[in-house]
C-alpha atoms as a PDB file:
ATOM      1  CA  UNK A   1      -5.759  -5.559 -28.117  1.00  0.00           C
ATOM      2  CA  UNK A   2      -4.172  -3.911 -25.107  1.00  0.00           C
ATOM      3  CA  UNK A   3      -0.970  -5.495 -23.744  1.00  0.00           C
ATOM      4  CA  UNK A   4       0.346  -6.044 -20.204  1.00  0.00           C
ATOM      5  CA  UNK A   5       2.709  -3.163 -19.349  1.00  0.00           C
ATOM      6  CA  UNK A   6       5.244  -5.619 -17.866  1.00  0.00           C
ATOM      7  CA  UNK A   7       5.242  -8.807 -19.965  1.00  0.00           C
ATOM      8  CA  UNK A   8       3.403  -7.614 -23.102  1.00  0.00           C
ATOM      9  CA  UNK A   9       0.809 -10.451 -23.030  1.00  0.00           C
ATOM     10  CA  UNK A  10      -2.718  -9.650 -24.201  1.00  0.00           C
ATOM     11  CA  UNK A  11      -4.990  -8.345 -21.437  1.00  0.00           C
ATOM     12  CA  UNK A  12      -8.551  -9.451 -20.814  1.00  0.00           C
ATOM     13  CA  UNK A  13     -11.264  -6.883 -20.112  1.00  0.00           C
ATOM     14  CA  UNK A  14     -10.935  -7.601 -16.367  1.00  0.00           C
ATOM     15  CA  UNK A  15      -7.188  -6.792 -16.375  1.00  0.00           C
ATOM     16  CA  UNK A  16      -7.366  -3.422 -18.100  1.00  0.00           C
ATOM     17  CA  UNK A  17      -7.933  -1.261 -15.010  1.00  0.00           C
ATOM     18  CA  UNK A  18      -4.349  -1.771 -13.790  1.00  0.00           C
ATOM     19  CA  UNK A  19      -2.879  -2.471 -17.235  1.00  0.00           C
ATOM     20  CA  UNK A  20      -1.171  -5.657 -15.997  1.00  0.00           C
ATOM     21  CA  UNK A  21      -1.997  -9.344 -16.336  1.00  0.00           C
ATOM     22  CA  UNK A  22      -2.847 -11.098 -13.037  1.00  0.00           C
ATOM     23  CA  UNK A  23       0.509 -12.897 -12.763  1.00  0.00           C
ATOM     24  CA  UNK A  24       2.518  -9.680 -13.246  1.00  0.00           C
ATOM     25  CA  UNK A  25       0.230  -7.733 -10.876  1.00  0.00           C
ATOM     26  CA  UNK A  26       0.693 -10.407  -8.201  1.00  0.00           C
ATOM     27  CA  UNK A  27       4.468 -10.644  -8.693  1.00  0.00           C
ATOM     28  CA  UNK A  28       4.876  -6.859  -8.556  1.00  0.00           C
ATOM     29  CA  UNK A  29       2.386  -6.271  -5.715  1.00  0.00           C
ATOM     30  CA  UNK A  30       0.233  -3.980  -7.843  1.00  0.00           C
ATOM     31  CA  UNK A  31      -3.360  -3.215  -6.814  1.00  0.00           C
ATOM     32  CA  UNK A  32      -6.005  -0.827  -8.101  1.00  0.00           C
ATOM     33  CA  UNK A  33      -5.076   2.677  -6.969  1.00  0.00           C
ATOM     34  CA  UNK A  34      -7.349   3.791  -4.131  1.00  0.00           C
ATOM     35  CA  UNK A  35      -8.969   7.224  -4.386  1.00  0.00           C
ATOM     36  CA  UNK A  36      -6.504  10.054  -3.782  1.00  0.00           C
ATOM     37  CA  UNK A  37      -6.341  11.299  -0.178  1.00  0.00           C
ATOM     38  CA  UNK A  38      -4.501  14.576  -0.805  1.00  0.00           C
ATOM     39  CA  UNK A  39      -6.459  17.522  -2.109  1.00  0.00           C
ATOM     40  CA  UNK A  40      -4.513  19.358  -4.760  1.00  0.00           C
ATOM     41  CA  UNK A  41      -2.403  22.207  -3.423  1.00  0.00           C
ATOM     42  CA  UNK A  42       0.997  23.538  -4.497  1.00  0.00           C
ATOM     43  CA  UNK A  43       4.094  22.023  -2.895  1.00  0.00           C
ATOM     44  CA  UNK A  44       4.678  23.272   0.654  1.00  0.00           C
ATOM     45  CA  UNK A  45       8.414  23.519   0.037  1.00  0.00           C
ATOM     46  CA  UNK A  46       8.779  25.082  -3.434  1.00  0.00           C
ATOM     47  CA  UNK A  47       5.240  25.969  -4.564  1.00  0.00           C
ATOM     48  CA  UNK A  48       5.596  23.424  -7.397  1.00  0.00           C
ATOM     49  CA  UNK A  49       2.447  22.140  -9.098  1.00  0.00           C
ATOM     50  CA  UNK A  50       3.567  18.774 -10.483  1.00  0.00           C
ATOM     51  CA  UNK A  51       3.558  15.623  -8.329  1.00  0.00           C
ATOM     52  CA  UNK A  52       4.105  11.890  -8.590  1.00  0.00           C
ATOM     53  CA  UNK A  53       1.443   9.936  -6.699  1.00  0.00           C
ATOM     54  CA  UNK A  54       2.613   6.430  -5.779  1.00  0.00           C
ATOM     55  CA  UNK A  55       1.720   3.455  -3.646  1.00  0.00           C
ATOM     56  CA  UNK A  56       5.079   2.397  -2.184  1.00  0.00           C
ATOM     57  CA  UNK A  57       5.661  -1.354  -2.134  1.00  0.00           C
ATOM     58  CA  UNK A  58       7.841  -3.685  -0.135  1.00  0.00           C
ATOM     59  CA  UNK A  59       9.376  -7.068  -0.844  1.00  0.00           C
ATOM     60  CA  UNK A  60       9.534  -9.718   1.880  1.00  0.00           C
ATOM     61  CA  UNK A  61      10.273 -13.426   1.997  1.00  0.00           C
ATOM     62  CA  UNK A  62       7.180 -15.613   1.772  1.00  0.00           C
ATOM     63  CA  UNK A  63       7.149 -17.549   5.030  1.00  0.00           C
ATOM     64  CA  UNK A  64       4.709 -20.150   3.692  1.00  0.00           C
ATOM     65  CA  UNK A  65       6.482 -20.983   0.426  1.00  0.00           C
ATOM     66  CA  UNK A  66      10.140 -20.930   1.416  1.00  0.00           C
ATOM     67  CA  UNK A  67      12.426 -19.414  -1.189  1.00  0.00           C
ATOM     68  CA  UNK A  68       9.663 -17.282  -2.694  1.00  0.00           C
ATOM     69  CA  UNK A  69       9.079 -13.583  -2.133  1.00  0.00           C
ATOM     70  CA  UNK A  70       5.971 -11.513  -1.591  1.00  0.00           C
ATOM     71  CA  UNK A  71       5.617  -8.017  -2.985  1.00  0.00           C
ATOM     72  CA  UNK A  72       2.839  -5.937  -1.493  1.00  0.00           C
ATOM     73  CA  UNK A  73       1.753  -2.332  -1.032  1.00  0.00           C
ATOM     74  CA  UNK A  74       3.169  -0.677   2.075  1.00  0.00           C
ATOM     75  CA  UNK A  75       0.631  -0.192   4.834  1.00  0.00           C
ATOM     76  CA  UNK A  76       0.323   1.153   8.358  1.00  0.00           C
ATOM     77  CA  UNK A  77       0.150  -2.419   9.691  1.00  0.00           C
ATOM     78  CA  UNK A  78      -0.433  -5.976   8.549  1.00  0.00           C
ATOM     79  CA  UNK A  79      -2.509  -8.892   9.748  1.00  0.00           C
ATOM     80  CA  UNK A  80      -1.493 -12.452  10.507  1.00  0.00           C
ATOM     81  CA  UNK A  81      -2.319 -15.952   9.419  1.00  0.00           C
ATOM     82  CA  UNK A  82      -2.202 -19.173  11.346  1.00  0.00           C
ATOM     83  CA  UNK A  83      -0.419 -22.254  10.084  1.00  0.00           C
ATOM     84  CA  UNK A  84      -0.102 -25.798  11.274  1.00  0.00           C
ATOM     85  CA  UNK A  85      -2.493 -28.620  11.852  1.00  0.00           C
ATOM     86  CA  UNK A  86      -4.210 -26.908  14.787  1.00  0.00           C
ATOM     87  CA  UNK A  87      -3.398 -23.351  13.781  1.00  0.00           C
ATOM     88  CA  UNK A  88      -0.660 -23.170  16.364  1.00  0.00           C
ATOM     89  CA  UNK A  89       1.825 -21.100  14.373  1.00  0.00           C
ATOM     90  CA  UNK A  90       1.088 -17.429  13.701  1.00  0.00           C
ATOM     91  CA  UNK A  91       3.019 -15.550  11.019  1.00  0.00           C
ATOM     92  CA  UNK A  92       2.748 -12.038   9.625  1.00  0.00           C
ATOM     93  CA  UNK A  93       0.846 -11.890   6.345  1.00  0.00           C
ATOM     94  CA  UNK A  94       1.803  -8.931   4.151  1.00  0.00           C
ATOM     95  CA  UNK A  95      -1.212  -9.637   1.941  1.00  0.00           C
ATOM     96  CA  UNK A  96      -3.485  -8.612   4.832  1.00  0.00           C
ATOM     97  CA  UNK A  97      -2.474  -4.962   4.737  1.00  0.00           C
ATOM     98  CA  UNK A  98      -4.424  -2.420   6.780  1.00  0.00           C
ATOM     99  CA  UNK A  99      -4.179   1.275   5.931  1.00  0.00           C
ATOM    100  CA  UNK A 100      -2.507   1.278   2.508  1.00  0.00           C
ATOM    101  CA  UNK A 101      -0.022   4.157   2.263  1.00  0.00           C
ATOM    102  CA  UNK A 102       0.365   6.567  -0.612  1.00  0.00           C
ATOM    103  CA  UNK A 103       2.983   9.209  -1.218  1.00  0.00           C
ATOM    104  CA  UNK A 104       3.090  12.424  -3.189  1.00  0.00           C
ATOM    105  CA  UNK A 105       6.489  13.538  -4.466  1.00  0.00           C
ATOM    106  CA  UNK A 106       6.982  17.067  -5.786  1.00  0.00           C
ATOM    107  CA  UNK A 107       8.660  16.836  -9.172  1.00  0.00           C
ATOM    108  CA  UNK A 108      10.307  20.211  -8.617  1.00  0.00           C
ATOM    109  CA  UNK A 109      12.099  19.722  -5.298  1.00  0.00           C
ATOM    110  CA  UNK A 110      11.399  16.151  -4.183  1.00  0.00           C
ATOM    111  CA  UNK A 111       9.438  17.088  -1.049  1.00  0.00           C
ATOM    112  CA  UNK A 112       7.382  14.027  -0.094  1.00  0.00           C
ATOM    113  CA  UNK A 113       4.104  13.699   1.823  1.00  0.00           C
ATOM    114  CA  UNK A 114       2.659  10.405   3.112  1.00  0.00           C
ATOM    115  CA  UNK A 115      -1.065   9.654   3.476  1.00  0.00           C
ATOM    116  CA  UNK A 116      -3.068   6.626   4.586  1.00  0.00           C
ATOM    117  CA  UNK A 117      -5.662   5.607   1.996  1.00  0.00           C
ATOM    118  CA  UNK A 118      -8.151   4.227   4.546  1.00  0.00           C
ATOM    119  CA  UNK A 119      -7.315   5.213   8.141  1.00  0.00           C
ATOM    120  CA  UNK A 120     -10.600   3.766   9.442  1.00  0.00           C
ATOM    121  CA  UNK A 121      -9.427   0.269   8.403  1.00  0.00           C
ATOM    122  CA  UNK A 122      -6.348   0.339  10.657  1.00  0.00           C
ATOM    123  CA  UNK A 123      -6.863  -1.941  13.670  1.00  0.00           C
ATOM    124  CA  UNK A 124      -5.641  -0.829  17.084  1.00  0.00           C
ATOM    125  CA  UNK A 125      -3.723  -3.185  19.356  1.00  0.00           C
ATOM    126  CA  UNK A 126      -0.297  -4.423  20.412  1.00  0.00           C
ATOM    127  CA  UNK A 127      -0.351  -7.241  17.845  1.00  0.00           C
ATOM    128  CA  UNK A 128      -0.540  -4.559  15.134  1.00  0.00           C
ATOM    129  CA  UNK A 129       1.956  -2.208  16.846  1.00  0.00           C
ATOM    130  CA  UNK A 130      -0.686   0.537  16.812  1.00  0.00           C
ATOM    131  CA  UNK A 131      -2.259   2.664  19.497  1.00  0.00           C
ATOM    132  CA  UNK A 132      -4.899   5.364  19.448  1.00  0.00           C
ATOM    133  CA  UNK A 133      -3.674   8.796  20.550  1.00  0.00           C
ATOM    134  CA  UNK A 134      -6.349  11.425  20.969  1.00  0.00           C
ATOM    135  CA  UNK A 135      -6.231  14.994  22.185  1.00  0.00           C
ATOM    136  CA  UNK A 136      -8.414  15.893  25.139  1.00  0.00           C
ATOM    137  CA  UNK A 137      -8.400  19.585  24.306  1.00  0.00           C
ATOM    138  CA  UNK A 138      -9.521  21.456  21.226  1.00  0.00           C
ATOM    139  CA  UNK A 139      -7.240  23.257  18.785  1.00  0.00           C
ATOM    140  CA  UNK A 140      -7.451  26.508  20.759  1.00  0.00           C
ATOM    141  CA  UNK A 141      -5.916  27.101  24.173  1.00  0.00           C
END
């Protein structure tokens, strides 16, 4: 039987894709890796051919359950949730990530590139601190 990489408990068939039990995956903010965005090419800085692909994560206080923390994948922006009897309080919700980020780190020199796993999912608006910037001219002048 396969074991959880963090706590060494037995995994069910459903847990094997990320090699963590649900409680460890939730505590560590681990999700299934999205498809790679970067096409393979040697490092731009040193021509190295070995990389670490990672989904960077962040830890934040859980505003709903005071004293707890939330670990989640880093993203371009996050959504919100409403609290209160009439939904009058709005708080940021790190579990509603939009545009999960991934990084590639060259193992030779450390040069790092960032990519967005799903740029089409990123909402545009002041509440997300995003804006759409488009060029009016083509690549040639």
